[in-house]
Amino acid sequence: MAGGWARDGAVSEQIEASISDELKRMQARKGPQGESRTHCAECEEPIPEARRQALPGVKLCIDCQVERDGQPARRAGINRRGSKDSQLK
């Protein structure tokens, strides 16, 4: 059931489109490339040989990578689909 000027199923389509966009963005994200560093690019600690072999092109030690992964990704909070709610601002 849609409300206002939206047709039936519009909300579901918007949710599915948002999920599809996020999946495409995640799949397009490339892993480390190039030659692995022997020392971390941020803290200069040695990167273990096992990590360099497991992840070719690795640039960060485990501690720095965990810290970076814990930070939320910065994104613009824009509703690209143009819902009525986003137009009321």
C-alpha atoms as a PDB file:
ATOM      1  CA  MET A   1       0.000   0.000   0.000  1.00  0.00           C
ATOM      2  CA  ALA A   2       1.504   3.284  -1.068  1.00  0.00           C
ATOM      3  CA  GLY A   3       0.600   6.666   0.268  1.00  0.00           C
ATOM      4  CA  GLY A   4       0.417  10.046  -1.385  1.00  0.00           C
ATOM      5  CA  TRP A   5       1.449  10.101  -5.025  1.00  0.00           C
ATOM      6  CA  ALA A   6       3.577   6.951  -4.874  1.00  0.00           C
ATOM      7  CA  ARG A   7       2.340   3.889  -6.721  1.00  0.00           C
ATOM      8  CA  ASP A   8       1.894   0.517  -5.042  1.00  0.00           C
ATOM      9  CA  GLY A   9       5.225  -1.187  -4.378  1.00  0.00           C
ATOM     10  CA  ALA A  10       7.276   2.013  -4.702  1.00  0.00           C
ATOM     11  CA  VAL A  11       8.666   1.768  -1.172  1.00  0.00           C
ATOM     12  CA  SER A  12       9.724  -1.846  -1.680  1.00  0.00           C
ATOM     13  CA  GLU A  13      11.372  -0.933  -4.981  1.00  0.00           C
ATOM     14  CA  GLN A  14      13.274   1.894  -3.295  1.00  0.00           C
ATOM     15  CA  ILE A  15      14.508  -0.423  -0.535  1.00  0.00           C
ATOM     16  CA  GLU A  16      15.564  -3.073  -3.054  1.00  0.00           C
ATOM     17  CA  ALA A  17      17.347  -0.449  -5.173  1.00  0.00           C
ATOM     18  CA  SER A  18      19.231   0.854  -2.124  1.00  0.00           C
ATOM     19  CA  ILE A  19      20.313  -2.671  -1.174  1.00  0.00           C
ATOM     20  CA  SER A  20      21.372  -3.385  -4.757  1.00  0.00           C
ATOM     21  CA  ASP A  21      23.419  -0.167  -4.897  1.00  0.00           C
ATOM     22  CA  GLU A  22      25.192  -1.024  -1.643  1.00  0.00           C
ATOM     23  CA  LEU A  23      25.984  -4.561  -2.818  1.00  0.00           C
ATOM     24  CA  LYS A  24      27.449  -3.214  -6.066  1.00  0.00           C
ATOM     25  CA  ARG A  25      29.552  -0.710  -4.104  1.00  0.00           C
ATOM     26  CA  MET A  26      30.878  -3.445  -1.829  1.00  0.00           C
ATOM     27  CA  GLN A  27      31.681  -5.771  -4.736  1.00  0.00           C
ATOM     28  CA  ALA A  28      33.506  -2.998  -6.589  1.00  0.00           C
ATOM     29  CA  ARG A  29      35.709  -2.269  -3.571  1.00  0.00           C
ATOM     30  CA  LYS A  30      39.140  -3.554  -4.384  1.00  0.00           C
ATOM     31  CA  GLY A  31      41.472  -5.162  -1.907  1.00  0.00           C
ATOM     32  CA  PRO A  32      45.134  -4.289  -1.495  1.00  0.00           C
ATOM     33  CA  GLN A  33      47.088  -4.123  -4.737  1.00  0.00           C
ATOM     34  CA  GLY A  34      50.739  -3.958  -5.626  1.00  0.00           C
ATOM     35  CA  GLU A  35      53.667  -5.144  -3.601  1.00  0.00           C
ATOM     36  CA  SER A  36      53.282  -5.637   0.155  1.00  0.00           C
ATOM     37  CA  ARG A  37      55.158  -3.338   2.487  1.00  0.00           C
ATOM     38  CA  THR A  38      57.480  -4.802   5.096  1.00  0.00           C
ATOM     39  CA  HIS A  39      56.555  -2.065   7.601  1.00  0.00           C
ATOM     40  CA  CYS A  40      53.191  -0.425   8.304  1.00  0.00           C
ATOM     41  CA  ALA A  41      52.436   2.750   6.352  1.00  0.00           C
ATOM     42  CA  GLU A  42      51.011   4.428   9.469  1.00  0.00           C
ATOM     43  CA  CYS A  43      53.001   3.271  12.509  1.00  0.00           C
ATOM     44  CA  GLU A  44      56.147   1.798  10.891  1.00  0.00           C
ATOM     45  CA  GLU A  45      55.807  -1.465  12.861  1.00  0.00           C
ATOM     46  CA  PRO A  46      56.923  -4.596  10.967  1.00  0.00           C
ATOM     47  CA  ILE A  47      54.162  -6.438   9.112  1.00  0.00           C
ATOM     48  CA  PRO A  48      54.383 -10.206   9.794  1.00  0.00           C
ATOM     49  CA  GLU A  49      55.438 -12.374   6.846  1.00  0.00           C
ATOM     50  CA  ALA A  50      52.307 -14.519   7.194  1.00  0.00           C
ATOM     51  CA  ARG A  51      50.098 -11.419   6.748  1.00  0.00           C
ATOM     52  CA  ARG A  52      52.068 -10.283   3.698  1.00  0.00           C
ATOM     53  CA  GLN A  53      51.646 -13.711   2.094  1.00  0.00           C
ATOM     54  CA  ALA A  54      47.947 -13.961   2.966  1.00  0.00           C
ATOM     55  CA  LEU A  55      47.144 -10.458   1.648  1.00  0.00           C
ATOM     56  CA  PRO A  56      49.356  -9.475  -1.284  1.00  0.00           C
ATOM     57  CA  GLY A  57      49.683  -5.710  -1.405  1.00  0.00           C
ATOM     58  CA  VAL A  58      49.001  -5.166   2.297  1.00  0.00           C
ATOM     59  CA  LYS A  59      50.093  -1.735   3.555  1.00  0.00           C
ATOM     60  CA  LEU A  60      48.979  -1.708   7.217  1.00  0.00           C
ATOM     61  CA  CYS A  61      49.773  -3.824  10.264  1.00  0.00           C
ATOM     62  CA  ILE A  62      46.919  -5.682  11.944  1.00  0.00           C
ATOM     63  CA  ASP A  63      46.445  -3.097  14.722  1.00  0.00           C
ATOM     64  CA  CYS A  64      46.225  -0.151  12.303  1.00  0.00           C
ATOM     65  CA  GLN A  65      43.889  -2.077   9.981  1.00  0.00           C
ATOM     66  CA  VAL A  66      41.560  -2.977  12.878  1.00  0.00           C
ATOM     67  CA  GLU A  67      41.523   0.674  13.964  1.00  0.00           C
ATOM     68  CA  ARG A  68      40.743   1.834  10.425  1.00  0.00           C
ATOM     69  CA  ASP A  69      38.005  -0.798   9.967  1.00  0.00           C
ATOM     70  CA  GLY A  70      36.373   0.357  13.191  1.00  0.00           C
ATOM     71  CA  GLN A  71      35.858   3.877  11.860  1.00  0.00           C
ATOM     72  CA  PRO A  72      32.540   4.443  10.102  1.00  0.00           C
ATOM     73  CA  ALA A  73      32.727   5.164   6.403  1.00  0.00           C
ATOM     74  CA  ARG A  74      32.041   8.771   5.522  1.00  0.00           C
ATOM     75  CA  ARG A  75      29.159   9.180   3.149  1.00  0.00           C
ATOM     76  CA  ALA A  76      26.973  12.010   2.075  1.00  0.00           C
ATOM     77  CA  GLY A  77      23.592  11.690   3.730  1.00  0.00           C
ATOM     78  CA  ILE A  78      21.713  12.394   0.546  1.00  0.00           C
ATOM     79  CA  ASN A  79      18.693  10.421  -0.550  1.00  0.00           C
ATOM     80  CA  ARG A  80      19.474  10.025  -4.247  1.00  0.00           C
ATOM     81  CA  ARG A  81      16.086   8.517  -4.935  1.00  0.00           C
ATOM     82  CA  GLY A  82      14.339  11.812  -4.180  1.00  0.00           C
ATOM     83  CA  SER A  83      11.610  10.725  -1.761  1.00  0.00           C
ATOM     84  CA  LYS A  84       9.084  13.268  -0.588  1.00  0.00           C
ATOM     85  CA  ASP A  85      10.680  13.355   2.866  1.00  0.00           C
ATOM     86  CA  SER A  86      14.043  14.422   1.458  1.00  0.00           C
ATOM     87  CA  GLN A  87      12.385  17.240  -0.495  1.00  0.00           C
ATOM     88  CA  LEU A  88      10.776  18.727   2.613  1.00  0.00           C
ATOM     89  CA  LYS A  89      14.103  19.854   4.094  1.00  0.00           C
END
